[in-house]
Amino acid sequence: MRYLVVKVKKLLRKVISNEFEKLKLKVLFLNTYLPFEVRENAFFKLVFLNRKFRKSRVQYTCLFTNNAKFVIKFFKLSRFQLKMQFYKNYLVGIKRTNN
């Protein structure tokens, strides 16, 4: 399962660098004092940035079950596994609330 954690970390690193590039292009595109050609060029680069490295494409998986649904990012566990670890007293400092 370790390779999945490394895979997500690499993807997040690329997402962060891509977000910085996206921000630069967005500033160029929205700056109305620049010539039209520069703004148009920035817009087309912005549109065709790699879609693979977007925040919404990062898919976290559970460390135990490799399940990608209902994953809580802080713990890197699925909802069910978090509950099971809680009942086995492996997670310290978490309290159950009565709603």
C-alpha atoms as a PDB file:
ATOM      1  CA  MET A   1       0.000   0.000   0.000  1.00  0.00           C
ATOM      2  CA  ARG A   2       3.001   2.259   0.414  1.00  0.00           C
ATOM      3  CA  TYR A   3       3.265   2.760  -3.347  1.00  0.00           C
ATOM      4  CA  LEU A   4      -0.204   4.315  -3.361  1.00  0.00           C
ATOM      5  CA  VAL A   5       0.848   6.920  -0.802  1.00  0.00           C
ATOM      6  CA  VAL A   6       3.948   7.758  -2.843  1.00  0.00           C
ATOM      7  CA  LYS A   7       1.841   7.954  -5.998  1.00  0.00           C
ATOM      8  CA  VAL A   8      -0.570  10.454  -4.403  1.00  0.00           C
ATOM      9  CA  LYS A   9       2.325  12.545  -3.051  1.00  0.00           C
ATOM     10  CA  LYS A  10       3.916  12.772  -6.519  1.00  0.00           C
ATOM     11  CA  LEU A  11       0.594  13.755  -8.018  1.00  0.00           C
ATOM     12  CA  LEU A  12       0.049  16.433  -5.364  1.00  0.00           C
ATOM     13  CA  ARG A  13       3.502  17.874  -6.056  1.00  0.00           C
ATOM     14  CA  LYS A  14       2.641  18.173  -9.740  1.00  0.00           C
ATOM     15  CA  VAL A  15      -0.737  19.684  -8.893  1.00  0.00           C
ATOM     16  CA  ILE A  16       0.917  22.401  -6.793  1.00  0.00           C
ATOM     17  CA  SER A  17       3.365  23.317  -9.546  1.00  0.00           C
ATOM     18  CA  ASN A  18       0.550  23.286 -12.090  1.00  0.00           C
ATOM     19  CA  GLU A  19      -1.578  25.547  -9.879  1.00  0.00           C
ATOM     20  CA  PHE A  20       1.244  28.105  -9.780  1.00  0.00           C
ATOM     21  CA  GLU A  21       1.499  28.067 -13.580  1.00  0.00           C
ATOM     22  CA  LYS A  22      -2.282  28.373 -13.827  1.00  0.00           C
ATOM     23  CA  LEU A  23      -2.258  31.398 -11.520  1.00  0.00           C
ATOM     24  CA  LYS A  24       0.416  33.144 -13.612  1.00  0.00           C
ATOM     25  CA  LEU A  25      -1.555  32.593 -16.816  1.00  0.00           C
ATOM     26  CA  LYS A  26      -4.770  33.756 -15.197  1.00  0.00           C
ATOM     27  CA  VAL A  27      -3.145  37.006 -14.064  1.00  0.00           C
ATOM     28  CA  LEU A  28      -1.890  37.624 -17.601  1.00  0.00           C
ATOM     29  CA  PHE A  29      -5.288  36.864 -19.098  1.00  0.00           C
ATOM     30  CA  LEU A  30      -7.233  39.111 -16.715  1.00  0.00           C
ATOM     31  CA  ASN A  31      -4.841  42.064 -16.984  1.00  0.00           C
ATOM     32  CA  THR A  32      -6.674  44.468 -19.327  1.00  0.00           C
ATOM     33  CA  TYR A  33      -3.642  46.762 -19.724  1.00  0.00           C
ATOM     34  CA  LEU A  34      -1.716  44.145 -21.705  1.00  0.00           C
ATOM     35  CA  PRO A  35      -2.027  43.839 -25.500  1.00  0.00           C
ATOM     36  CA  PHE A  36      -4.745  41.572 -26.845  1.00  0.00           C
ATOM     37  CA  GLU A  37      -2.278  39.090 -28.391  1.00  0.00           C
ATOM     38  CA  VAL A  38      -0.540  38.478 -25.065  1.00  0.00           C
ATOM     39  CA  ARG A  39      -3.848  37.976 -23.284  1.00  0.00           C
ATOM     40  CA  GLU A  40      -5.123  35.655 -26.026  1.00  0.00           C
ATOM     41  CA  ASN A  41      -1.926  33.586 -25.898  1.00  0.00           C
ATOM     42  CA  ALA A  42      -2.243  33.281 -22.098  1.00  0.00           C
ATOM     43  CA  PHE A  43      -5.877  32.225 -22.457  1.00  0.00           C
ATOM     44  CA  PHE A  44      -5.076  29.425 -24.901  1.00  0.00           C
ATOM     45  CA  LYS A  45      -2.231  28.163 -22.722  1.00  0.00           C
ATOM     46  CA  LEU A  46      -4.610  28.226 -19.759  1.00  0.00           C
ATOM     47  CA  VAL A  47      -7.253  26.239 -21.599  1.00  0.00           C
ATOM     48  CA  PHE A  48      -4.816  23.578 -22.759  1.00  0.00           C
ATOM     49  CA  LEU A  49      -2.982  23.050 -19.473  1.00  0.00           C
ATOM     50  CA  ASN A  50      -2.678  19.404 -18.596  1.00  0.00           C
ATOM     51  CA  ARG A  51      -6.019  18.305 -17.180  1.00  0.00           C
ATOM     52  CA  LYS A  52      -4.404  15.374 -15.428  1.00  0.00           C
ATOM     53  CA  PHE A  53      -2.863  17.603 -12.760  1.00  0.00           C
ATOM     54  CA  ARG A  54      -5.889  19.342 -11.280  1.00  0.00           C
ATOM     55  CA  LYS A  55      -6.971  19.367  -7.646  1.00  0.00           C
ATOM     56  CA  SER A  56     -10.214  17.617  -8.425  1.00  0.00           C
ATOM     57  CA  ARG A  57      -8.375  14.725 -10.108  1.00  0.00           C
ATOM     58  CA  VAL A  58      -6.430  13.739  -6.990  1.00  0.00           C
ATOM     59  CA  GLN A  59      -8.033  10.608  -5.643  1.00  0.00           C
ATOM     60  CA  TYR A  60      -7.177   9.634  -2.093  1.00  0.00           C
ATOM     61  CA  THR A  61      -7.387   5.960  -1.193  1.00  0.00           C
ATOM     62  CA  CYS A  62      -7.703   4.189   2.132  1.00  0.00           C
ATOM     63  CA  LEU A  63      -4.435   2.772   3.475  1.00  0.00           C
ATOM     64  CA  PHE A  64      -6.029  -0.494   4.585  1.00  0.00           C
ATOM     65  CA  THR A  65      -8.639  -1.281   1.970  1.00  0.00           C
ATOM     66  CA  ASN A  66      -7.431   0.744  -1.040  1.00  0.00           C
ATOM     67  CA  ASN A  67     -10.999   2.004  -1.288  1.00  0.00           C
ATOM     68  CA  ALA A  68     -11.399   5.426  -2.909  1.00  0.00           C
ATOM     69  CA  LYS A  69     -14.885   6.160  -1.584  1.00  0.00           C
ATOM     70  CA  PHE A  70     -15.595   8.017   1.672  1.00  0.00           C
ATOM     71  CA  VAL A  71     -11.904   8.655   2.418  1.00  0.00           C
ATOM     72  CA  ILE A  72     -11.120  11.163   5.166  1.00  0.00           C
ATOM     73  CA  LYS A  73      -7.975  12.965   4.057  1.00  0.00           C
ATOM     74  CA  PHE A  74      -6.608  13.730   7.506  1.00  0.00           C
ATOM     75  CA  PHE A  75      -6.475  10.074   8.524  1.00  0.00           C
ATOM     76  CA  LYS A  76      -6.130   8.584   5.012  1.00  0.00           C
ATOM     77  CA  LEU A  77      -8.755   6.045   6.039  1.00  0.00           C
ATOM     78  CA  SER A  78     -12.173   5.210   4.706  1.00  0.00           C
ATOM     79  CA  ARG A  79     -15.151   5.955   6.899  1.00  0.00           C
ATOM     80  CA  PHE A  80     -15.650   2.304   7.811  1.00  0.00           C
ATOM     81  CA  GLN A  81     -11.967   1.703   8.640  1.00  0.00           C
ATOM     82  CA  LEU A  82     -11.900   4.872  10.738  1.00  0.00           C
ATOM     83  CA  LYS A  83     -14.828   3.536  12.724  1.00  0.00           C
ATOM     84  CA  MET A  84     -13.177   0.137  13.169  1.00  0.00           C
ATOM     85  CA  GLN A  85      -9.870   1.687  14.297  1.00  0.00           C
ATOM     86  CA  PHE A  86     -11.791   3.902  16.716  1.00  0.00           C
ATOM     87  CA  TYR A  87     -13.586   0.952  18.317  1.00  0.00           C
ATOM     88  CA  LYS A  88     -10.298  -0.964  18.680  1.00  0.00           C
ATOM     89  CA  ASN A  89      -8.859   2.090  20.510  1.00  0.00           C
ATOM     90  CA  TYR A  90      -6.061   2.593  17.966  1.00  0.00           C
ATOM     91  CA  LEU A  91      -6.960   6.247  17.434  1.00  0.00           C
ATOM     92  CA  VAL A  92      -6.179   8.430  20.438  1.00  0.00           C
ATOM     93  CA  GLY A  93      -7.933  11.711  21.123  1.00  0.00           C
ATOM     94  CA  ILE A  94     -11.070  11.106  19.079  1.00  0.00           C
ATOM     95  CA  LYS A  95     -14.396  11.212  20.887  1.00  0.00           C
ATOM     96  CA  ARG A  96     -17.784  10.123  19.733  1.00  0.00           C
ATOM     97  CA  THR A  97     -20.470  12.792  19.632  1.00  0.00           C
ATOM     98  CA  ASN A  98     -24.130  12.077  20.261  1.00  0.00           C
ATOM     99  CA  ASN A  99     -26.189  13.691  17.529  1.00  0.00           C
END
